[in-house]
Protein backbone atom coordinates (compact mmCIF):
# COMPACT_ATOMS: atom_id res chain seq x y z
CA UNK A 1 14.20 4.97 21.09
CA UNK A 2 14.64 2.68 18.39
CA UNK A 3 13.81 3.70 14.59
CA UNK A 4 10.67 1.17 14.66
CA UNK A 5 9.26 3.31 17.60
CA UNK A 6 7.34 5.77 15.41
CA UNK A 7 6.04 3.09 13.32
CA UNK A 8 4.81 1.06 16.40
CA UNK A 9 3.17 4.24 17.85
CA UNK A 10 1.53 5.16 14.65
CA UNK A 11 -0.23 1.54 14.68
CA UNK A 12 -1.19 2.08 18.27
CA UNK A 13 -2.75 5.39 17.59
CA UNK A 14 -4.54 4.11 14.59
CA UNK A 15 -5.85 1.25 16.70
CA UNK A 16 -7.57 3.77 19.00
CA UNK A 17 -9.96 4.76 16.11
CA UNK A 18 -12.96 2.39 15.96
CA UNK A 19 -12.52 -0.20 13.32
CA UNK A 20 -14.71 -2.94 11.69
CA UNK A 21 -14.17 -5.56 9.08
CA UNK A 22 -14.51 -3.22 6.13
CA UNK A 23 -11.46 -1.05 7.58
CA UNK A 24 -8.87 -3.56 7.75
CA UNK A 25 -7.12 -2.24 4.43
CA UNK A 26 -5.24 0.33 6.49
CA UNK A 27 -5.15 3.93 7.32
CA UNK A 28 -5.31 5.29 3.82
CA UNK A 29 -8.62 3.34 3.22
CA UNK A 30 -10.55 3.80 6.47
CA UNK A 31 -13.32 6.02 4.88
CA UNK A 32 -12.75 5.03 1.33
CA UNK A 33 -13.49 1.43 2.00
CA UNK A 34 -16.89 2.15 3.51
CA UNK A 35 -17.78 4.64 0.78
CA UNK A 36 -16.93 2.02 -1.68
CA UNK A 37 -19.16 -0.22 0.05
CA UNK A 38 -22.14 1.96 0.14
CA UNK A 39 -21.56 2.79 -3.46
CA UNK A 40 -21.73 -0.87 -4.23
CA UNK A 41 -24.88 -1.58 -2.19
CA UNK A 42 -26.74 1.16 -3.61
CA UNK A 43 -25.60 0.12 -7.19
CA UNK A 44 -26.88 -3.32 -6.31
CA UNK A 45 -30.18 -2.20 -5.52
CA UNK A 46 -30.65 0.19 -8.46
CA UNK A 47 -29.22 -2.49 -10.84
CA UNK A 48 -32.00 -4.89 -9.27
CA UNK A 49 -34.64 -2.45 -9.98
CA UNK A 50 -33.82 -1.60 -13.74
CA UNK A 51 -32.45 -5.18 -14.51
CA UNK A 52 -35.99 -6.46 -13.43
CA UNK A 53 -37.89 -3.98 -15.64
CA UNK A 54 -35.44 -4.89 -18.48
CA UNK A 55 -36.14 -8.67 -18.07
CA UNK A 56 -39.95 -8.17 -17.93
CA UNK A 57 -39.78 -6.24 -21.06
CA UNK A 58 -37.37 -8.81 -22.72
CA UNK A 59 -39.85 -11.77 -21.72
CA UNK A 60 -42.66 -9.89 -23.73
CA UNK A 61 -42.65 -9.49 -27.44
CA UNK A 62 -39.10 -8.97 -28.75
CA UNK A 63 -37.45 -7.16 -31.82
CA UNK A 64 -34.81 -9.82 -32.16
CA UNK A 65 -34.92 -12.53 -34.54
CA UNK A 66 -35.98 -15.98 -33.41
CA UNK A 67 -32.41 -17.45 -33.05
CA UNK A 68 -30.98 -14.31 -31.27
CA UNK A 69 -33.39 -13.20 -28.61
CA UNK A 70 -32.71 -16.12 -25.84
CA UNK A 71 -28.83 -15.98 -26.30
CA UNK A 72 -28.49 -12.40 -26.23
CA UNK A 73 -30.57 -12.32 -23.24
CA UNK A 74 -28.08 -14.98 -21.26
CA UNK A 75 -25.34 -12.85 -22.57
CA UNK A 76 -26.43 -9.76 -20.91
CA UNK A 77 -28.52 -10.90 -17.97
CA UNK A 78 -26.22 -13.53 -16.51
CA UNK A 79 -23.25 -11.05 -16.10
CA UNK A 80 -25.90 -8.41 -14.69
CA UNK A 81 -27.10 -11.05 -12.19
CA UNK A 82 -23.41 -11.76 -11.16
CA UNK A 83 -22.60 -8.09 -10.76
CA UNK A 84 -25.59 -7.58 -8.58
CA UNK A 85 -24.83 -10.62 -6.39
CA UNK A 86 -21.39 -9.27 -6.10
CA UNK A 87 -22.51 -5.67 -5.05
CA UNK A 88 -24.54 -7.25 -2.26
CA UNK A 89 -21.85 -9.46 -1.32
CA UNK A 90 -19.07 -7.20 -1.47
CA UNK A 91 -16.75 -9.41 -3.04
CA UNK A 92 -15.41 -9.04 -6.80
CA UNK A 93 -17.35 -6.06 -7.41
CA UNK A 94 -14.81 -4.33 -10.03
CA UNK A 95 -14.45 -7.74 -11.97
CA UNK A 96 -17.81 -8.63 -12.39
CA UNK A 97 -18.99 -4.95 -12.87
CA UNK A 98 -16.26 -4.71 -15.71
CA UNK A 99 -17.50 -7.92 -17.34
CA UNK A 100 -21.04 -6.55 -17.63
CA UNK A 101 -19.95 -3.52 -18.82
CA UNK A 102 -18.08 -5.06 -21.89
CA UNK A 103 -20.95 -7.50 -22.27
CA UNK A 104 -23.51 -4.82 -22.71
CA UNK A 105 -21.41 -2.96 -25.13
CA UNK A 106 -21.00 -6.11 -27.15
CA UNK A 107 -24.76 -6.50 -27.10
CA UNK A 108 -25.32 -3.23 -28.47
CA UNK A 109 -22.94 -3.74 -31.36
CA UNK A 110 -24.74 -6.99 -32.37
CA UNK A 111 -28.05 -5.51 -31.79
CA UNK A 112 -28.52 -4.36 -35.64
CA UNK A 113 -27.73 -7.87 -36.78
CA UNK A 114 -29.93 -9.66 -34.20
CA UNK A 115 -32.94 -7.33 -35.07
CA UNK A 116 -32.47 -7.42 -38.63
CA UNK A 117 -35.74 -7.32 -40.65
CA UNK A 118 -37.86 -6.04 -37.60
CA UNK A 119 -40.09 -3.28 -37.62
CA UNK A 120 -39.19 -1.23 -34.66
CA UNK A 121 -41.96 1.21 -32.90
CA UNK A 122 -40.33 4.66 -32.76
CA UNK A 123 -42.43 5.37 -29.69
CA UNK A 124 -41.22 2.37 -27.91
CA UNK A 125 -38.05 1.08 -26.41
CA UNK A 126 -36.50 -2.38 -26.49
CA UNK A 127 -35.41 -4.19 -23.23
CA UNK A 128 -31.76 -3.55 -23.93
CA UNK A 129 -32.67 0.19 -23.61
CA UNK A 130 -33.13 -0.14 -19.71
CA UNK A 131 -29.73 -1.25 -19.28
CA UNK A 132 -28.15 1.69 -20.59
CA UNK A 133 -27.36 3.46 -17.49
CA UNK A 134 -26.60 0.18 -15.42
CA UNK A 135 -23.85 -0.10 -17.86
CA UNK A 136 -22.70 3.52 -17.08
CA UNK A 137 -23.00 2.61 -13.16
CA UNK A 138 -20.84 -0.61 -13.90
CA UNK A 139 -18.10 1.34 -15.40
CA UNK A 140 -18.30 3.76 -12.38
CA UNK A 141 -17.57 0.62 -10.08
CA UNK A 142 -14.97 -0.96 -12.29
CA UNK A 143 -13.03 1.51 -14.20
CA UNK A 144 -10.61 4.65 -13.62
CA UNK A 145 -12.21 8.11 -14.01
CA UNK A 146 -11.20 8.73 -17.82
CA UNK A 147 -12.82 5.29 -18.59
CA UNK A 148 -15.97 6.05 -16.74
CA UNK A 149 -16.31 9.39 -18.58
CA UNK A 150 -15.83 7.49 -21.80
CA UNK A 151 -18.25 4.72 -21.01
CA UNK A 152 -20.84 7.09 -19.72
CA UNK A 153 -20.77 8.83 -23.27
CA UNK A 154 -20.16 5.82 -25.44
CA UNK A 155 -23.15 3.46 -24.30
CA UNK A 156 -26.08 6.10 -24.68
CA UNK A 157 -24.59 7.33 -28.21
CA UNK A 158 -23.79 3.73 -29.27
CA UNK A 159 -27.39 2.90 -28.41
CA UNK A 160 -28.80 5.78 -30.50
CA UNK A 161 -26.61 4.59 -33.38
CA UNK A 162 -27.53 0.93 -33.49
CA UNK A 163 -31.23 2.11 -33.00
CA UNK A 164 -30.88 4.14 -35.95
CA UNK A 165 -29.30 1.29 -37.91
CA UNK A 166 -31.92 -0.97 -36.94
CA UNK A 167 -34.46 1.53 -38.44
CA UNK A 168 -32.41 2.28 -41.51
CA UNK A 169 -31.97 5.92 -40.36
CA UNK A 170 -35.98 6.82 -40.73
CA UNK A 171 -36.67 10.21 -39.78
CA UNK A 172 -39.34 9.49 -37.45
CA UNK A 173 -36.86 7.96 -35.23
CA UNK A 174 -34.88 11.03 -34.49
CA UNK A 175 -36.77 12.98 -32.09
CA UNK A 176 -37.54 10.16 -29.67
CA UNK A 177 -34.20 8.76 -29.86
CA UNK A 178 -32.55 12.20 -29.16
CA UNK A 179 -34.82 12.63 -26.00
CA UNK A 180 -33.61 8.91 -24.78
CA UNK A 181 -29.99 9.51 -25.61
CA UNK A 182 -29.97 12.89 -23.90
CA UNK A 183 -31.81 11.45 -20.96
CA UNK A 184 -29.21 8.67 -20.60
CA UNK A 185 -26.31 11.03 -20.87
CA UNK A 186 -28.02 13.27 -18.32
CA UNK A 187 -28.51 10.60 -15.66
CA UNK A 188 -25.05 8.85 -16.49
CA UNK A 189 -23.49 12.21 -15.80
CA UNK A 190 -25.44 12.30 -12.62
CA UNK A 191 -24.19 8.93 -11.66
CA UNK A 192 -20.60 9.52 -12.65
CA UNK A 193 -20.46 12.91 -10.74
CA UNK A 194 -21.85 11.41 -7.49
CA UNK A 195 -19.51 8.64 -7.71
CA UNK A 196 -16.47 10.98 -8.22
CA UNK A 197 -17.69 13.26 -5.36
CA UNK A 198 -18.08 10.70 -2.64
CA UNK A 199 -14.82 8.95 -3.42
CA UNK A 200 -13.10 12.55 -3.62
CA UNK A 201 -14.68 13.37 -0.23
CA UNK A 202 -13.67 9.99 1.26
CA UNK A 203 -9.97 10.26 0.02
CA UNK A 204 -9.70 13.71 1.64
CA UNK A 205 -11.16 12.49 4.89
CA UNK A 206 -8.70 9.50 4.83
CA UNK A 207 -5.71 11.93 4.05
CA UNK A 208 -6.60 14.22 6.97
CA UNK A 209 -7.00 11.42 9.39
CA UNK A 210 -3.73 10.11 8.32
CA UNK A 211 -2.05 13.28 8.92
CA UNK A 212 -3.82 13.54 12.40
CA UNK A 213 -2.54 10.15 13.40
CA UNK A 214 0.96 10.71 12.10
CA UNK A 215 1.04 14.11 14.06
CA UNK A 216 -0.12 11.91 17.28
CA UNK A 217 2.33 9.44 16.69
CA UNK A 218 5.20 12.23 16.35
CA UNK A 219 3.99 13.72 19.65
CA UNK A 220 3.97 10.53 21.52
CA UNK A 221 7.34 9.34 20.20
CA UNK A 222 8.80 12.66 21.66
CA UNK A 223 7.01 12.07 24.80
CA UNK A 224 8.25 8.52 24.92
CA UNK A 225 11.80 9.66 24.35
CA UNK A 226 11.51 12.23 27.12
CA UNK A 227 10.41 9.65 29.53
CA UNK A 228 13.21 7.46 28.54
CA UNK A 229 15.77 10.26 29.35
CA UNK A 230 14.01 10.68 32.72
CA UNK A 231 14.23 6.89 33.14
CA UNK A 232 17.88 6.87 32.62
CA UNK A 233 18.59 9.70 34.80
CA UNK A 234 16.89 8.20 37.63
CA UNK A 235 18.87 4.85 36.79
CA UNK A 236 21.99 6.66 36.80
CA UNK A 237 21.14 8.59 40.18
CA UNK A 238 19.84 5.52 41.91
CA UNK A 239 22.08 2.79 40.74
CA UNK A 240 25.34 3.99 39.33
CA UNK A 241 25.97 6.53 41.80
CA UNK A 242 25.16 4.05 44.41
CA UNK A 243 27.53 1.58 42.94
CA UNK A 244 30.30 4.34 42.71
CA UNK A 245 29.80 5.30 46.31
CA UNK A 246 30.12 1.62 47.31
CA UNK A 247 33.15 1.19 45.37
CA UNK A 248 34.71 4.45 46.75
CA UNK A 249 34.11 3.00 50.37
CA UNK A 250 34.96 -0.59 49.91
CA UNK A 251 38.00 -1.32 52.13
CA UNK A 252 37.57 -5.04 52.47
CA UNK A 253 37.46 -7.94 49.94
CA UNK A 254 33.69 -8.51 50.91
CA UNK A 255 32.98 -4.98 50.16
CA UNK A 256 34.75 -4.86 47.16
CA UNK A 257 32.86 -7.96 45.76
CA UNK A 258 29.44 -6.19 46.91
CA UNK A 259 30.64 -2.94 45.14
CA UNK A 260 31.42 -5.12 41.85
CA UNK A 261 28.30 -6.83 41.93
CA UNK A 262 26.42 -3.41 42.45
CA UNK A 263 28.34 -1.95 39.41
CA UNK A 264 27.64 -5.18 37.18
CA UNK A 265 23.70 -4.63 38.17
CA UNK A 266 23.65 -1.06 37.42
CA UNK A 267 25.36 -1.72 33.98
CA UNK A 268 23.11 -4.47 33.35
CA UNK A 269 19.90 -2.38 34.20
CA UNK A 270 21.49 0.54 31.97
CA UNK A 271 21.88 -1.75 29.03
CA UNK A 272 18.21 -3.24 29.37
CA UNK A 273 16.69 0.28 29.66
CA UNK A 274 15.94 -0.03 25.78
CA UNK A 275 15.54 -3.55 25.38
CA UNK A 276 14.22 -6.36 27.65
CA UNK A 277 17.05 -8.57 28.76
CA UNK A 278 15.03 -11.87 28.31
CA UNK A 279 16.44 -13.21 31.52
CA UNK A 280 16.23 -17.01 31.84
CA UNK A 281 18.35 -19.82 33.28
CA UNK A 282 22.14 -19.44 33.67
CA UNK A 283 22.90 -22.89 32.25
CA UNK A 284 26.07 -22.97 30.01
CA UNK A 285 25.59 -22.39 26.29
CA UNK A 286 27.96 -23.61 23.68
CA UNK A 287 29.17 -21.72 20.51
CA UNK A 288 26.52 -23.20 18.31
CA UNK A 289 23.85 -22.20 20.68
CA UNK A 290 24.95 -18.64 20.87
CA UNK A 291 25.21 -18.42 16.95
CA UNK A 292 21.71 -19.93 16.75
CA UNK A 293 20.54 -17.28 19.09
CA UNK A 294 22.03 -14.48 17.19
CA UNK A 295 20.34 -15.88 13.92
CA UNK A 296 17.09 -15.91 15.86
CA UNK A 297 17.67 -12.32 16.79
CA UNK A 298 18.67 -11.32 13.31
CA UNK A 299 15.31 -12.59 11.91
CA UNK A 300 13.35 -10.81 14.47
CA UNK A 301 14.91 -7.64 13.42
CA UNK A 302 14.29 -8.40 9.82
CA UNK A 303 17.22 -10.28 8.33
CA UNK A 304 17.62 -13.96 7.72
CA UNK A 305 21.41 -14.31 7.69
CA UNK A 306 23.60 -17.22 8.01
CA UNK A 307 25.99 -17.10 11.01
CA UNK A 308 29.42 -18.30 10.18
CA UNK A 309 30.67 -20.51 13.29
CA UNK A 310 34.45 -21.51 13.83
CA UNK A 311 34.70 -23.52 17.07
CA UNK A 312 38.40 -24.10 17.66
CA UNK A 313 40.18 -26.12 20.58
CA UNK A 314 39.47 -24.79 23.87
CA UNK A 315 36.15 -23.07 22.91
CA UNK A 316 34.20 -22.21 26.41
CA UNK A 317 30.90 -23.17 27.46
CA UNK A 318 29.32 -19.62 27.67
CA UNK A 319 27.08 -19.06 30.92
CA UNK A 320 23.66 -18.29 30.12
CA UNK A 321 23.56 -14.62 31.28
CA UNK A 322 26.69 -13.96 29.32
CA UNK A 323 25.29 -15.72 26.23
CA UNK A 324 22.06 -13.48 26.59
CA UNK A 325 24.09 -10.08 27.02
CA UNK A 326 26.33 -11.17 23.90
CA UNK A 327 23.37 -12.17 21.78
CA UNK A 328 21.37 -9.05 22.47
CA UNK A 329 24.53 -6.89 21.72
CA UNK A 330 24.99 -8.80 18.57
CA UNK A 331 21.46 -8.42 17.57
CA UNK A 332 21.56 -4.45 18.37
CA UNK A 333 24.74 -4.21 15.95
CA UNK A 334 22.74 -6.23 13.34
CA UNK A 335 19.66 -3.95 13.81
CA UNK A 336 22.11 -0.92 13.34
CA UNK A 337 23.69 -2.25 10.17
CA UNK A 338 20.10 -3.02 8.65
CA UNK A 339 19.02 0.60 9.82
CA UNK A 340 21.98 2.77 8.93
CA UNK A 341 24.10 0.70 6.18
CA UNK A 342 20.91 -0.96 4.63
CA UNK A 343 22.42 -4.32 5.47
CA UNK A 344 24.82 -3.87 2.63
CA UNK A 345 27.66 -6.56 3.03
CA UNK A 346 26.18 -7.72 6.41
CA UNK A 347 27.97 -10.80 7.82
CA UNK A 348 28.01 -12.23 11.37
CA UNK A 349 30.81 -14.88 12.51
CA UNK A 350 31.36 -16.44 16.08
CA UNK A 351 34.65 -17.91 16.80
CA UNK A 352 35.72 -19.84 19.90
CA UNK A 353 39.01 -21.11 21.27
CA UNK A 354 41.68 -20.66 23.91
CA UNK A 355 38.89 -20.08 26.58
CA UNK A 356 37.48 -17.19 24.72
CA UNK A 357 34.41 -16.71 22.29
CA UNK A 358 34.51 -13.67 19.76
CA UNK A 359 31.66 -12.34 17.78
CA UNK A 360 32.04 -10.01 14.59
CA UNK A 361 29.39 -7.99 12.86
CA UNK A 362 30.47 -6.63 9.86
CA UNK A 363 28.78 -4.31 7.04
CA UNK A 364 30.17 -2.51 4.17
CA UNK A 365 28.03 0.86 4.75
CA UNK A 366 29.22 4.42 4.74
CA UNK A 367 30.28 4.03 8.51
CA UNK A 368 29.87 6.68 11.22
CA UNK A 369 31.70 8.81 13.72
CA UNK A 370 31.39 7.06 17.16
CA UNK A 371 32.12 10.20 19.01
CA UNK A 372 29.50 11.95 17.22
CA UNK A 373 26.58 9.82 18.36
CA UNK A 374 24.47 11.91 20.88
CA UNK A 375 24.57 10.94 24.36
CA UNK A 376 20.85 10.10 24.66
CA UNK A 377 21.07 7.44 21.96
CA UNK A 378 21.51 4.08 23.76
CA UNK A 379 21.64 1.84 20.80
CA UNK A 380 25.48 1.69 21.14
CA UNK A 381 26.58 2.87 24.44
CA UNK A 382 24.00 0.94 26.66
CA UNK A 383 22.79 -2.12 24.18
CA UNK A 384 26.45 -2.88 23.09
CA UNK A 385 28.97 -1.46 25.32
CA UNK A 386 27.38 -1.44 28.70
CA UNK A 387 25.72 -4.69 28.18
CA UNK A 388 28.87 -6.55 27.34
CA UNK A 389 30.94 -4.78 30.11
CA UNK A 390 28.20 -5.78 32.49
CA UNK A 391 29.29 -9.55 31.94
CA UNK A 392 32.95 -9.02 31.95
CA UNK A 393 33.36 -8.81 28.33
CA UNK A 394 34.67 -6.06 25.67
CA UNK A 395 33.17 -4.51 22.88
CA UNK A 396 35.17 -2.70 20.01
CA UNK A 397 33.75 -0.81 16.96
CA UNK A 398 35.65 -0.01 14.01
CA UNK A 399 33.80 2.32 11.50
CA UNK A 400 34.82 4.30 8.37
CA UNK A 401 34.23 4.68 4.82
CA UNK A 402 35.11 1.07 4.24
CA UNK A 403 32.36 -0.05 6.47
CA UNK A 404 31.74 -0.87 10.41
CA UNK A 405 32.88 -3.75 12.25
CA UNK A 406 31.70 -4.52 15.68
CA UNK A 407 33.69 -7.03 17.72
CA UNK A 408 32.45 -8.46 20.91
CA UNK A 409 34.66 -10.67 22.99
CA UNK A 410 34.33 -12.67 26.49
CA UNK A 411 36.99 -14.81 28.14
CA UNK A 412 36.48 -17.59 30.84
CA UNK A 413 36.94 -16.21 34.26
CA UNK A 414 35.75 -12.73 33.40
CA UNK A 415 32.16 -12.91 34.55
């Protein structure tokens, strides 16, 4: 089993849960995304109703001065319309809601100036009053919880303050304004609490689901490892044992050749238990082609490294099956260096000359004890040693505190 197996199994398990366009954000937002979408749609409808009420009121007699009324309406209702549209479309909700929340507060701040000299009615409300709780709702959509709480308290109190300033703190305004501000605070608190509650429930559901999927992935990984052990055991029994029996009974050159072919096939199958051999044509490959294949393999395992090439006199053309085996073994060594050494000091070189080709994969990690690697781990024994031996090559690993060096070598006539 490779290190990436649990991750792929987790993705596979997650894929079994029904998904839609809104769930593509990942495991941790499966339910939260839907809740946010529902909140934005409900907020859009609520804002549309209250916004229409405020607009109809604003189109009637106004308390603002003649040069302030229309610009102030545009300053408030345009961001509100954009926020409502964003809520229905489901794009840019947080940004648009945040813009409206700030625009409304600024409109409240300039309200005493815009309405200076007017004679407000203590029993009536100006059009800007109907948008107080929409500003609270916008804060729930746009801001983190502490800012939501601040906005829920700020907007009603600020409205009450600017209304008193407009009325020059006349005593007749205190009772109706107290009722209005209290109502806005209560309704804003309900909106804030509902948003927090639904989001908390969604987050808990997502966390529970993620733990369940992770548990499933762990169980699936353990089952896959057990199946792999069974497959390797069957392979050893059917292929390796048959090759050993054939080698023991080989008493003629033809029987010896057949036994050698059976042994090579058994080693190849053992090496390919963990990774596909990518069989292809056996056309010869030169040193540069082998280096390119290793670089491509390194890219597949997550590292874009430059393979150093040194083709000397007598650099051989490597048969295709040999080139594939060397490439896969080198790729496994690179994957091991990335996984266990973090890719520190990772370097790869390919050298050819005197009828041989040699590959070195080096890193500056902490190293490891080859003898201490469990027998059921095929990353080194099968994917490197057995794979190279199957084509007549040799593999050596030198590992210690200085780092790890994997040397692969093949000579002409060895395959």
